Each structure stands twice: as structure tokens, then as C-alpha cells.
Amino acid sequence: MRPNTATAWALMYRGRIIALGKPPELKDQLRARSIMDLVSLDPLESMKALEGIGGVREIAVFGGGLHLTVEDPGKTGGRIREVLRGKGIAIRSLELIPPSMEDVFVAMIEEEEKKAS
């Protein structure tokens, strides 16, 4: 069953609400970020290979693949392909996608972690 998008969602983290709003409003907060969905034959090795490369801001496991928050999808997409090819990791797909609610929540939790540091 799909959630009613007219209903507000809340995200609690460490005992307090860090986000409250309707899904479209919460997704708008990630408008400045570009998210790429990467499906490769080895997600764990892909994650290790891509950590710290220029243009990739965040990497999160998403289902059987990875969601990458990138600065410039055009340039970074090529860099991702090059790095994984160099490591012998085959890519099934790499595409720019709109953020999901999970992407929103992961980004908000990561922001809270940065504030706490």
C-alpha cells in the first residue's frame, strides 16, 4: 500500500523530530543534490572503490545497489564508470534519479550527524 502523499511525514532521530512535512516538501529540500542510482555486479566493492573520489559526496546502500549523491552527474558519471572499470567491476546501470523518501531521510540524518560532530 502506498502512503497518502497528502499526509505529513515525520522523521525522529535520537529522540527528536528532525523533519516534518509532506513528501514533496521534504524532497524539495534535496533539489540542489543530484542522486545517481548505481547497480553493479559487486555493490560492496563498488562502494569501497568510490569512497573519496572527486564529485561523489555521499554513498548509501539502497536495495541491491547504491545511491550516490554527486556534484555534477555528467562529469561524475564518467569518473564513476572509469574507476569501476579500473577495478574490474561491471556496471549494470548508472542513472540520474529523483530522490526517494529514503534518500531524504538518509541526507537529513547525515546532516544531524555532522552537526553533532
N, C-alpha and C. Protein backbone atom coordinates (compact mmCIF):
# COMPACT_ATOMS: atom_id res chain seq x y z
N MET A 1 0.83 -1.17 0.00
CA MET A 1 0.00 0.00 0.00
C MET A 1 0.88 1.24 0.00
N ARG A 2 0.59 2.18 -0.87
CA ARG A 2 1.37 3.42 -0.96
C ARG A 2 0.86 4.43 0.05
N PRO A 3 1.79 5.16 0.68
CA PRO A 3 1.37 6.17 1.63
C PRO A 3 0.62 7.30 0.95
N ASN A 4 -0.30 7.91 1.64
CA ASN A 4 -1.04 9.05 1.15
C ASN A 4 -0.09 10.25 1.16
N THR A 5 0.15 10.83 -0.02
CA THR A 5 1.10 11.93 -0.10
C THR A 5 0.56 13.21 0.50
N ALA A 6 -0.73 13.25 0.85
CA ALA A 6 -1.29 14.44 1.49
C ALA A 6 -0.99 14.44 2.99
N THR A 7 -0.53 13.32 3.50
CA THR A 7 -0.23 13.19 4.92
C THR A 7 1.19 13.64 5.19
N ALA A 8 1.37 14.36 6.28
CA ALA A 8 2.72 14.78 6.67
C ALA A 8 3.49 13.60 7.24
N TRP A 9 4.76 13.56 6.97
CA TRP A 9 5.66 12.54 7.50
C TRP A 9 6.57 13.21 8.52
N ALA A 10 6.98 12.43 9.49
CA ALA A 10 7.94 12.94 10.48
C ALA A 10 9.11 11.96 10.57
N LEU A 11 10.28 12.51 10.76
CA LEU A 11 11.47 11.69 10.96
C LEU A 11 12.01 11.99 12.35
N MET A 12 12.04 10.97 13.18
CA MET A 12 12.61 11.12 14.52
C MET A 12 14.01 10.52 14.50
N TYR A 13 14.91 11.23 15.16
CA TYR A 13 16.29 10.77 15.26
C TYR A 13 16.82 11.18 16.61
N ARG A 14 17.34 10.23 17.33
CA ARG A 14 17.87 10.47 18.67
C ARG A 14 16.86 11.16 19.58
N GLY A 15 15.62 10.71 19.47
CA GLY A 15 14.57 11.18 20.38
C GLY A 15 13.92 12.50 20.04
N ARG A 16 14.22 13.05 18.86
CA ARG A 16 13.56 14.30 18.49
C ARG A 16 13.23 14.30 17.00
N ILE A 17 12.23 15.09 16.65
CA ILE A 17 11.82 15.19 15.25
C ILE A 17 12.79 16.12 14.54
N ILE A 18 13.40 15.60 13.47
CA ILE A 18 14.34 16.43 12.69
C ILE A 18 13.75 16.85 11.35
N ALA A 19 12.61 16.26 10.97
CA ALA A 19 11.96 16.65 9.72
C ALA A 19 10.47 16.38 9.85
N LEU A 20 9.69 17.30 9.32
CA LEU A 20 8.24 17.16 9.33
C LEU A 20 7.70 17.83 8.09
N GLY A 21 6.91 17.11 7.31
CA GLY A 21 6.32 17.70 6.12
C GLY A 21 5.75 16.64 5.20
N LYS A 22 5.14 17.10 4.15
CA LYS A 22 4.60 16.20 3.13
C LYS A 22 5.76 15.75 2.25
N PRO A 23 5.68 14.54 1.70
CA PRO A 23 6.80 14.04 0.88
C PRO A 23 7.31 15.02 -0.18
N PRO A 24 6.44 15.66 -0.98
CA PRO A 24 7.00 16.60 -1.97
C PRO A 24 7.79 17.74 -1.34
N GLU A 25 7.34 18.23 -0.18
CA GLU A 25 8.05 19.30 0.50
C GLU A 25 9.42 18.83 0.99
N LEU A 26 9.46 17.63 1.54
CA LEU A 26 10.72 17.10 2.05
C LEU A 26 11.69 16.82 0.91
N LYS A 27 11.16 16.31 -0.20
CA LYS A 27 12.02 16.02 -1.36
C LYS A 27 12.59 17.31 -1.95
N ASP A 28 11.83 18.40 -1.87
CA ASP A 28 12.31 19.69 -2.38
C ASP A 28 13.58 20.13 -1.67
N GLN A 29 13.76 19.70 -0.42
CA GLN A 29 14.95 20.07 0.33
C GLN A 29 16.21 19.47 -0.30
N LEU A 30 16.06 18.43 -1.12
CA LEU A 30 17.21 17.81 -1.79
C LEU A 30 17.35 18.26 -3.23
N ARG A 31 16.60 19.27 -3.62
CA ARG A 31 16.61 19.72 -5.01
C ARG A 31 18.01 20.08 -5.50
N ALA A 32 18.83 20.63 -4.62
CA ALA A 32 20.19 21.04 -5.01
C ALA A 32 21.13 19.85 -5.15
N ARG A 33 20.69 18.67 -4.74
CA ARG A 33 21.55 17.49 -4.81
C ARG A 33 21.14 16.62 -6.00
N SER A 34 22.13 16.01 -6.62
CA SER A 34 21.86 15.07 -7.71
C SER A 34 22.13 13.67 -7.18
N ILE A 35 21.18 12.77 -7.42
CA ILE A 35 21.32 11.40 -6.93
C ILE A 35 21.36 10.46 -8.12
N MET A 36 22.36 9.59 -8.10
CA MET A 36 22.51 8.58 -9.15
C MET A 36 22.31 7.21 -8.54
N ASP A 37 21.58 6.38 -9.25
CA ASP A 37 21.36 5.00 -8.84
C ASP A 37 22.37 4.14 -9.57
N LEU A 38 23.17 3.40 -8.81
CA LEU A 38 24.20 2.53 -9.37
C LEU A 38 23.87 1.08 -9.05
N VAL A 39 23.76 0.28 -10.08
CA VAL A 39 23.61 -1.16 -9.90
C VAL A 39 24.83 -1.80 -10.56
N SER A 40 25.62 -2.48 -9.75
CA SER A 40 26.82 -3.14 -10.26
C SER A 40 26.81 -4.61 -9.84
N LEU A 41 27.75 -5.36 -10.38
CA LEU A 41 27.82 -6.77 -10.01
C LEU A 41 28.38 -6.98 -8.61
N ASP A 42 29.01 -5.95 -8.03
CA ASP A 42 29.56 -6.06 -6.68
C ASP A 42 29.38 -4.73 -5.94
N PRO A 43 28.19 -4.54 -5.32
CA PRO A 43 27.92 -3.27 -4.65
C PRO A 43 28.91 -2.92 -3.54
N LEU A 44 29.32 -3.87 -2.74
CA LEU A 44 30.24 -3.58 -1.64
C LEU A 44 31.59 -3.09 -2.16
N GLU A 45 32.14 -3.78 -3.16
CA GLU A 45 33.42 -3.35 -3.74
C GLU A 45 33.26 -2.02 -4.47
N SER A 46 32.09 -1.81 -5.08
CA SER A 46 31.83 -0.52 -5.74
C SER A 46 31.86 0.60 -4.72
N MET A 47 31.23 0.38 -3.58
CA MET A 47 31.21 1.39 -2.52
C MET A 47 32.63 1.72 -2.06
N LYS A 48 33.42 0.69 -1.83
CA LYS A 48 34.80 0.89 -1.40
C LYS A 48 35.60 1.66 -2.45
N ALA A 49 35.40 1.30 -3.72
CA ALA A 49 36.15 1.93 -4.81
C ALA A 49 35.79 3.40 -4.99
N LEU A 50 34.54 3.76 -4.70
CA LEU A 50 34.08 5.11 -4.96
C LEU A 50 34.22 6.07 -3.78
N GLU A 51 34.50 5.54 -2.60
CA GLU A 51 34.67 6.40 -1.43
C GLU A 51 35.84 7.34 -1.65
N GLY A 52 35.57 8.62 -1.50
CA GLY A 52 36.64 9.60 -1.58
C GLY A 52 36.97 10.10 -2.98
N ILE A 53 36.30 9.62 -4.03
CA ILE A 53 36.62 10.16 -5.35
C ILE A 53 35.94 11.51 -5.53
N GLY A 54 36.57 12.36 -6.28
CA GLY A 54 36.03 13.70 -6.52
C GLY A 54 34.66 13.65 -7.15
N GLY A 55 33.77 14.50 -6.66
CA GLY A 55 32.43 14.59 -7.23
C GLY A 55 31.39 13.74 -6.53
N VAL A 56 31.82 12.73 -5.77
CA VAL A 56 30.88 11.88 -5.03
C VAL A 56 30.84 12.38 -3.59
N ARG A 57 29.69 12.92 -3.18
CA ARG A 57 29.56 13.48 -1.83
C ARG A 57 29.15 12.43 -0.81
N GLU A 58 28.23 11.56 -1.19
CA GLU A 58 27.72 10.55 -0.25
C GLU A 58 27.41 9.26 -1.02
N ILE A 59 27.53 8.14 -0.32
CA ILE A 59 27.20 6.83 -0.88
C ILE A 59 26.33 6.11 0.14
N ALA A 60 25.19 5.60 -0.31
CA ALA A 60 24.30 4.86 0.59
C ALA A 60 23.82 3.59 -0.10
N VAL A 61 23.76 2.50 0.66
CA VAL A 61 23.21 1.25 0.15
C VAL A 61 21.71 1.45 -0.04
N PHE A 62 21.21 1.03 -1.17
CA PHE A 62 19.79 1.18 -1.47
C PHE A 62 19.34 -0.08 -2.21
N GLY A 63 18.60 -0.93 -1.51
CA GLY A 63 18.20 -2.20 -2.11
C GLY A 63 19.42 -3.01 -2.46
N GLY A 64 19.51 -3.48 -3.69
CA GLY A 64 20.66 -4.26 -4.14
C GLY A 64 21.74 -3.42 -4.79
N GLY A 65 21.58 -2.09 -4.71
CA GLY A 65 22.54 -1.21 -5.35
C GLY A 65 22.97 -0.09 -4.42
N LEU A 66 23.38 1.02 -5.04
CA LEU A 66 23.86 2.17 -4.28
C LEU A 66 23.20 3.44 -4.80
N HIS A 67 22.96 4.37 -3.90
CA HIS A 67 22.56 5.72 -4.28
C HIS A 67 23.74 6.62 -3.98
N LEU A 68 24.16 7.36 -5.00
CA LEU A 68 25.31 8.25 -4.90
C LEU A 68 24.83 9.69 -5.01
N THR A 69 25.17 10.51 -4.03
CA THR A 69 24.90 11.94 -4.13
C THR A 69 26.14 12.54 -4.77
N VAL A 70 25.93 13.18 -5.92
CA VAL A 70 27.06 13.68 -6.71
C VAL A 70 26.92 15.17 -6.98
N GLU A 71 28.05 15.81 -7.25
CA GLU A 71 28.07 17.25 -7.53
C GLU A 71 27.65 17.55 -8.96
N ASP A 72 28.17 16.86 -9.92
CA ASP A 72 27.89 17.10 -11.33
C ASP A 72 27.70 15.74 -12.00
N PRO A 73 26.44 15.34 -12.25
CA PRO A 73 26.21 13.99 -12.79
C PRO A 73 26.94 13.71 -14.10
N GLY A 74 27.06 14.70 -14.98
CA GLY A 74 27.74 14.47 -16.25
C GLY A 74 29.19 14.11 -16.08
N LYS A 75 29.92 14.92 -15.33
CA LYS A 75 31.34 14.66 -15.10
C LYS A 75 31.55 13.48 -14.17
N THR A 76 30.78 13.45 -13.10
CA THR A 76 30.99 12.41 -12.09
C THR A 76 30.59 11.04 -12.60
N GLY A 77 29.55 10.97 -13.43
CA GLY A 77 29.14 9.69 -14.00
C GLY A 77 30.27 9.03 -14.78
N GLY A 78 30.98 9.83 -15.57
CA GLY A 78 32.12 9.30 -16.31
C GLY A 78 33.24 8.84 -15.39
N ARG A 79 33.47 9.61 -14.32
CA ARG A 79 34.52 9.25 -13.36
C ARG A 79 34.15 7.94 -12.65
N ILE A 80 32.88 7.78 -12.29
CA ILE A 80 32.41 6.55 -11.64
C ILE A 80 32.66 5.35 -12.54
N ARG A 81 32.28 5.49 -13.80
CA ARG A 81 32.47 4.39 -14.76
C ARG A 81 33.96 4.04 -14.90
N GLU A 82 34.78 5.07 -14.98
CA GLU A 82 36.22 4.87 -15.14
C GLU A 82 36.83 4.15 -13.92
N VAL A 83 36.47 4.59 -12.72
CA VAL A 83 37.01 3.98 -11.50
C VAL A 83 36.59 2.52 -11.40
N LEU A 84 35.30 2.25 -11.63
CA LEU A 84 34.83 0.86 -11.50
C LEU A 84 35.41 -0.03 -12.60
N ARG A 85 35.53 0.51 -13.80
CA ARG A 85 36.15 -0.27 -14.89
C ARG A 85 37.58 -0.63 -14.51
N GLY A 86 38.30 0.33 -13.92
CA GLY A 86 39.68 0.10 -13.50
C GLY A 86 39.80 -0.97 -12.42
N LYS A 87 38.75 -1.14 -11.62
CA LYS A 87 38.74 -2.16 -10.57
C LYS A 87 38.13 -3.48 -11.07
N GLY A 88 37.73 -3.52 -12.34
CA GLY A 88 37.14 -4.73 -12.90
C GLY A 88 35.72 -5.00 -12.43
N ILE A 89 35.00 -3.96 -12.04
CA ILE A 89 33.63 -4.11 -11.56
C ILE A 89 32.66 -3.70 -12.66
N ALA A 90 31.83 -4.64 -13.08
CA ALA A 90 30.88 -4.39 -14.16
C ALA A 90 29.68 -3.59 -13.63
N ILE A 91 29.24 -2.61 -14.42
CA ILE A 91 28.09 -1.79 -14.08
C ILE A 91 26.88 -2.28 -14.88
N ARG A 92 25.81 -2.57 -14.17
CA ARG A 92 24.56 -2.93 -14.86
C ARG A 92 23.82 -1.68 -15.29
N SER A 93 23.76 -0.68 -14.39
CA SER A 93 23.13 0.59 -14.74
C SER A 93 23.65 1.69 -13.83
N LEU A 94 23.67 2.90 -14.38
CA LEU A 94 24.04 4.10 -13.65
C LEU A 94 23.20 5.21 -14.24
N GLU A 95 22.25 5.72 -13.41
CA GLU A 95 21.35 6.74 -13.94
C GLU A 95 20.99 7.78 -12.89
N LEU A 96 20.71 8.97 -13.36
CA LEU A 96 20.26 10.06 -12.51
C LEU A 96 18.80 9.80 -12.16
N ILE A 97 18.46 9.93 -10.88
CA ILE A 97 17.08 9.65 -10.44
C ILE A 97 16.60 10.77 -9.52
N PRO A 98 15.26 10.91 -9.39
CA PRO A 98 14.75 11.84 -8.38
C PRO A 98 14.94 11.22 -6.99
N PRO A 99 15.09 12.04 -5.95
CA PRO A 99 15.29 11.47 -4.61
C PRO A 99 14.05 10.74 -4.11
N SER A 100 14.27 9.64 -3.41
CA SER A 100 13.19 8.90 -2.75
C SER A 100 13.07 9.43 -1.33
N MET A 101 12.04 9.03 -0.62
CA MET A 101 11.92 9.44 0.79
C MET A 101 13.07 8.87 1.60
N GLU A 102 13.54 7.68 1.26
CA GLU A 102 14.69 7.13 1.97
C GLU A 102 15.92 8.00 1.76
N ASP A 103 16.12 8.51 0.53
CA ASP A 103 17.23 9.41 0.27
C ASP A 103 17.12 10.67 1.13
N VAL A 104 15.90 11.19 1.25
CA VAL A 104 15.66 12.38 2.07
C VAL A 104 16.05 12.11 3.52
N PHE A 105 15.58 11.00 4.05
CA PHE A 105 15.85 10.69 5.45
C PHE A 105 17.33 10.42 5.70
N VAL A 106 17.99 9.73 4.80
CA VAL A 106 19.43 9.48 4.95
C VAL A 106 20.18 10.80 4.96
N ALA A 107 19.83 11.71 4.05
CA ALA A 107 20.51 13.01 3.98
C ALA A 107 20.28 13.82 5.26
N MET A 108 19.08 13.77 5.78
CA MET A 108 18.78 14.54 7.00
C MET A 108 19.51 13.97 8.21
N ILE A 109 19.58 12.67 8.29
CA ILE A 109 20.30 12.05 9.41
C ILE A 109 21.79 12.37 9.31
N GLU A 110 22.34 12.32 8.10
CA GLU A 110 23.75 12.66 7.92
C GLU A 110 24.02 14.11 8.31
N GLU A 111 23.09 15.02 8.01
CA GLU A 111 23.25 16.41 8.41
C GLU A 111 23.26 16.53 9.93
N GLU A 112 22.39 15.78 10.60
CA GLU A 112 22.35 15.80 12.06
C GLU A 112 23.66 15.27 12.64
N GLU A 113 24.21 14.23 12.02
CA GLU A 113 25.49 13.67 12.48
C GLU A 113 26.60 14.71 12.34
N LYS A 114 26.60 15.45 11.24
CA LYS A 114 27.63 16.49 11.05
C LYS A 114 27.50 17.57 12.11
N LYS A 115 26.27 17.95 12.45
CA LYS A 115 26.06 18.97 13.48
C LYS A 115 26.56 18.50 14.84
N ALA A 116 26.39 17.20 15.11
CA ALA A 116 26.79 16.64 16.41
C ALA A 116 28.30 16.49 16.55
N SER A 117 29.02 16.47 15.43
CA SER A 117 30.47 16.27 15.46
C SER A 117 31.22 17.49 15.92
